Amino acid sequence: MIRILTAAALATTALTGAAHANIVLSPGQIAQIERFAPGADLTNLSDARKAAIVSVLYSGGDSAGEKGSTIRGLVQ
């Protein structure tokens, strides 16, 4: 299930052109990511992964557990 959500998020960002943008995470976004994935190294994430993570953060239908699982999968 996590792989499907991750693939869908990456595909969505690629289709919208966000994968080619220079994504800079705000301090608030970094704090949210660290809440779901404590100790995650965010320095070497590709722009596509950053965009996918931001998409997951702001998705309305997912539970906190689903968001956390997806985000942890993306930052690995």
C-alpha atoms as a PDB file:
ATOM      1  CA  MET A   1       0.000   0.000   0.000  1.00  0.00           C
ATOM      2  CA  ILE A   2       2.806   2.413   0.874  1.00  0.00           C
ATOM      3  CA  ARG A   3       4.552   1.693  -2.420  1.00  0.00           C
ATOM      4  CA  ILE A   4       1.360   2.431  -4.320  1.00  0.00           C
ATOM      5  CA  LEU A   5       0.898   5.743  -2.493  1.00  0.00           C
ATOM      6  CA  THR A   6       4.545   6.657  -3.030  1.00  0.00           C
ATOM      7  CA  ALA A   7       4.380   5.807  -6.729  1.00  0.00           C
ATOM      8  CA  ALA A   8       1.170   7.800  -7.105  1.00  0.00           C
ATOM      9  CA  ALA A   9       2.675  10.825  -5.365  1.00  0.00           C
ATOM     10  CA  LEU A  10       5.821  10.691  -7.491  1.00  0.00           C
ATOM     11  CA  ALA A  11       3.803  10.270 -10.682  1.00  0.00           C
ATOM     12  CA  THR A  12       1.579  13.199  -9.778  1.00  0.00           C
ATOM     13  CA  THR A  13       4.527  15.489  -9.172  1.00  0.00           C
ATOM     14  CA  ALA A  14       6.203  14.401 -12.393  1.00  0.00           C
ATOM     15  CA  LEU A  15       3.068  15.035 -14.436  1.00  0.00           C
ATOM     16  CA  THR A  16       2.518  18.489 -12.961  1.00  0.00           C
ATOM     17  CA  GLY A  17       6.063  19.609 -13.647  1.00  0.00           C
ATOM     18  CA  ALA A  18       6.911  19.940  -9.968  1.00  0.00           C
ATOM     19  CA  ALA A  19       9.628  17.335 -10.391  1.00  0.00           C
ATOM     20  CA  HIS A  20      11.646  19.857 -12.385  1.00  0.00           C
ATOM     21  CA  ALA A  21      11.188  22.755 -10.002  1.00  0.00           C
ATOM     22  CA  ASN A  22      13.651  23.754  -7.332  1.00  0.00           C
ATOM     23  CA  ILE A  23      11.765  22.696  -4.211  1.00  0.00           C
ATOM     24  CA  VAL A  24      12.792  24.404  -0.980  1.00  0.00           C
ATOM     25  CA  LEU A  25      11.157  23.080   2.160  1.00  0.00           C
ATOM     26  CA  SER A  26       9.952  25.702   4.627  1.00  0.00           C
ATOM     27  CA  PRO A  27      10.874  25.433   8.308  1.00  0.00           C
ATOM     28  CA  GLY A  28       7.257  24.461   9.051  1.00  0.00           C
ATOM     29  CA  GLN A  29       7.335  21.680   6.462  1.00  0.00           C
ATOM     30  CA  ILE A  30      10.639  20.404   7.834  1.00  0.00           C
ATOM     31  CA  ALA A  31       9.134  20.331  11.334  1.00  0.00           C
ATOM     32  CA  GLN A  32       6.136  18.345  10.072  1.00  0.00           C
ATOM     33  CA  ILE A  33       8.381  15.887   8.226  1.00  0.00           C
ATOM     34  CA  GLU A  34      10.562  15.410  11.308  1.00  0.00           C
ATOM     35  CA  ARG A  35       7.434  14.724  13.374  1.00  0.00           C
ATOM     36  CA  PHE A  36       6.560  11.843  11.029  1.00  0.00           C
ATOM     37  CA  ALA A  37      10.153  10.706  10.413  1.00  0.00           C
ATOM     38  CA  PRO A  38      12.369  11.669  13.367  1.00  0.00           C
ATOM     39  CA  GLY A  39      16.049  11.907  12.520  1.00  0.00           C
ATOM     40  CA  ALA A  40      15.463  11.807   8.765  1.00  0.00           C
ATOM     41  CA  ASP A  41      18.236  13.298   6.629  1.00  0.00           C
ATOM     42  CA  LEU A  42      16.483  15.749   4.323  1.00  0.00           C
ATOM     43  CA  THR A  43      19.624  17.283   2.824  1.00  0.00           C
ATOM     44  CA  ASN A  44      20.029  14.933  -0.136  1.00  0.00           C
ATOM     45  CA  LEU A  45      16.401  14.478  -1.184  1.00  0.00           C
ATOM     46  CA  SER A  46      15.626  14.991  -4.839  1.00  0.00           C
ATOM     47  CA  ASP A  47      13.154  17.697  -5.793  1.00  0.00           C
ATOM     48  CA  ALA A  48      10.709  14.995  -6.893  1.00  0.00           C
ATOM     49  CA  ARG A  49      10.802  13.387  -3.446  1.00  0.00           C
ATOM     50  CA  LYS A  50      10.451  16.761  -1.716  1.00  0.00           C
ATOM     51  CA  ALA A  51       7.421  17.540  -3.873  1.00  0.00           C
ATOM     52  CA  ALA A  52       5.927  14.126  -3.134  1.00  0.00           C
ATOM     53  CA  ILE A  53       6.444  14.603   0.603  1.00  0.00           C
ATOM     54  CA  VAL A  54       4.806  18.037   0.512  1.00  0.00           C
ATOM     55  CA  SER A  55       1.916  16.514  -1.414  1.00  0.00           C
ATOM     56  CA  VAL A  56       1.512  13.860   1.279  1.00  0.00           C
ATOM     57  CA  LEU A  57       1.698  16.472   4.061  1.00  0.00           C
ATOM     58  CA  TYR A  58      -1.198  18.432   2.595  1.00  0.00           C
ATOM     59  CA  SER A  59      -3.329  15.503   1.462  1.00  0.00           C
ATOM     60  CA  GLY A  60      -6.621  15.623   3.303  1.00  0.00           C
ATOM     61  CA  GLY A  61      -7.845  12.046   3.138  1.00  0.00           C
ATOM     62  CA  ASP A  62      -4.931  10.153   4.658  1.00  0.00           C
ATOM     63  CA  SER A  63      -4.672   9.357   8.357  1.00  0.00           C
ATOM     64  CA  ALA A  64      -1.616  10.441  10.328  1.00  0.00           C
ATOM     65  CA  GLY A  65      -0.386   6.833  10.299  1.00  0.00           C
ATOM     66  CA  GLU A  66      -0.661   6.594   6.513  1.00  0.00           C
ATOM     67  CA  LYS A  67       1.080   9.929   6.060  1.00  0.00           C
ATOM     68  CA  GLY A  68       3.852   8.872   8.418  1.00  0.00           C
ATOM     69  CA  SER A  69       4.407   5.569   6.637  1.00  0.00           C
ATOM     70  CA  THR A  70       4.514   7.224   3.238  1.00  0.00           C
ATOM     71  CA  ILE A  71       6.861  10.000   4.376  1.00  0.00           C
ATOM     72  CA  ARG A  72       9.212   7.536   6.069  1.00  0.00           C
ATOM     73  CA  GLY A  73       9.293   5.555   2.825  1.00  0.00           C
ATOM     74  CA  LEU A  74      10.138   8.659   0.821  1.00  0.00           C
ATOM     75  CA  VAL A  75      12.983   9.873   3.036  1.00  0.00           C
ATOM     76  CA  GLN A  76      14.812   6.539   3.080  1.00  0.00           C
END
